[in-house]
C-alpha atoms as a PDB file:
ATOM      1  CA  MET A   1     -14.243  -5.394   6.215  1.00  0.00           C
ATOM      2  CA  SER A   2     -16.336  -6.186   9.363  1.00  0.00           C
ATOM      3  CA  ASN A   3     -17.276  -2.323   9.163  1.00  0.00           C
ATOM      4  CA  GLU A   4     -19.554  -1.035   6.984  1.00  0.00           C
ATOM      5  CA  LYS A   5     -18.843   2.315   7.966  1.00  0.00           C
ATOM      6  CA  GLN A   6     -15.492   2.072   6.838  1.00  0.00           C
ATOM      7  CA  THR A   7     -14.047   5.281   4.662  1.00  0.00           C
ATOM      8  CA  LEU A   8     -11.897   4.140   1.544  1.00  0.00           C
ATOM      9  CA  ILE A   9      -9.125   5.151   2.972  1.00  0.00           C
ATOM     10  CA  GLU A  10      -9.465   2.656   5.264  1.00  0.00           C
ATOM     11  CA  SER A  11     -10.510  -0.087   2.876  1.00  0.00           C
ATOM     12  CA  LEU A  12      -7.351   0.947   1.171  1.00  0.00           C
ATOM     13  CA  LEU A  13      -4.662  -0.125   3.665  1.00  0.00           C
ATOM     14  CA  GLU A  14      -6.638  -3.111   4.488  1.00  0.00           C
ATOM     15  CA  ALA A  15      -6.411  -3.984   1.300  1.00  0.00           C
ATOM     16  CA  GLU A  16      -2.514  -3.314   1.029  1.00  0.00           C
ATOM     17  CA  SER A  17      -1.782  -4.632   4.520  1.00  0.00           C
ATOM     18  CA  GLN A  18      -3.421  -8.252   3.086  1.00  0.00           C
ATOM     19  CA  PHE A  19      -1.804  -7.329   0.330  1.00  0.00           C
ATOM     20  CA  HIS A  20       1.271  -7.847   2.322  1.00  0.00           C
ATOM     21  CA  GLU A  21       0.570 -10.620   4.427  1.00  0.00           C
ATOM     22  CA  LEU A  22       0.031 -12.464   0.623  1.00  0.00           C
ATOM     23  CA  MET A  23       3.112 -12.169  -0.055  1.00  0.00           C
ATOM     24  CA  PRO A  24       6.387 -14.502   0.338  1.00  0.00           C
ATOM     25  CA  ILE A  25       8.841 -11.811   0.736  1.00  0.00           C
ATOM     26  CA  LYS A  26       9.086 -11.016   4.196  1.00  0.00           C
ATOM     27  CA  ASP A  27      12.119  -8.812   3.929  1.00  0.00           C
ATOM     28  CA  THR A  28      11.241  -4.947   5.099  1.00  0.00           C
ATOM     29  CA  TYR A  29      12.564  -3.145   1.768  1.00  0.00           C
ATOM     30  CA  SER A  30      11.064  -5.789  -0.193  1.00  0.00           C
ATOM     31  CA  LYS A  31       7.944  -4.804   0.882  1.00  0.00           C
ATOM     32  CA  LEU A  32       8.120  -1.389   1.237  1.00  0.00           C
ATOM     33  CA  PHE A  33       9.238  -1.215  -2.874  1.00  0.00           C
ATOM     34  CA  PHE A  34       6.292  -3.426  -3.558  1.00  0.00           C
ATOM     35  CA  ARG A  35       3.937  -0.671  -1.455  1.00  0.00           C
ATOM     36  CA  SER A  36       5.768   2.366  -3.320  1.00  0.00           C
ATOM     37  CA  LEU A  37       4.496   0.267  -6.477  1.00  0.00           C
ATOM     38  CA  PHE A  38       0.490  -0.257  -4.939  1.00  0.00           C
ATOM     39  CA  TRP A  39       0.352   3.462  -4.014  1.00  0.00           C
ATOM     40  CA  PHE A  40       2.002   4.762  -7.244  1.00  0.00           C
ATOM     41  CA  ALA A  41      -0.467   2.424  -8.938  1.00  0.00           C
ATOM     42  CA  LEU A  42      -3.418   3.547  -7.447  1.00  0.00           C
ATOM     43  CA  PHE A  43      -2.557   7.208  -8.078  1.00  0.00           C
ATOM     44  CA  SER A  44      -1.807   6.970 -11.426  1.00  0.00           C
ATOM     45  CA  VAL A  45      -5.355   5.249 -12.425  1.00  0.00           C
ATOM     46  CA  LEU A  46      -6.553   7.778  -9.677  1.00  0.00           C
ATOM     47  CA  TYR A  47      -4.908  10.217 -12.055  1.00  0.00           C
ATOM     48  CA  VAL A  48      -5.986   8.407 -15.627  1.00  0.00           C
ATOM     49  CA  VAL A  49      -9.453   8.671 -14.064  1.00  0.00           C
ATOM     50  CA  LEU A  50      -9.816  11.677 -13.253  1.00  0.00           C
ATOM     51  CA  THR A  51      -8.131  13.579 -16.776  1.00  0.00           C
ATOM     52  CA  GLY A  52      -9.750  11.165 -18.772  1.00  0.00           C
ATOM     53  CA  LEU A  53     -13.654  12.782 -17.525  1.00  0.00           C
END
């Protein structure tokens, strides 16, 4: 995070790319599966937090 004025979306996309670099699986379909899981988990947590308020 070199830029202090980095937006939330940019931070999430950077976290996603770092997550993919750490994955031992290099297959494109596997990356797509894990990318889908990542965003599903993110939006699920966001939904739970917003509806729990």
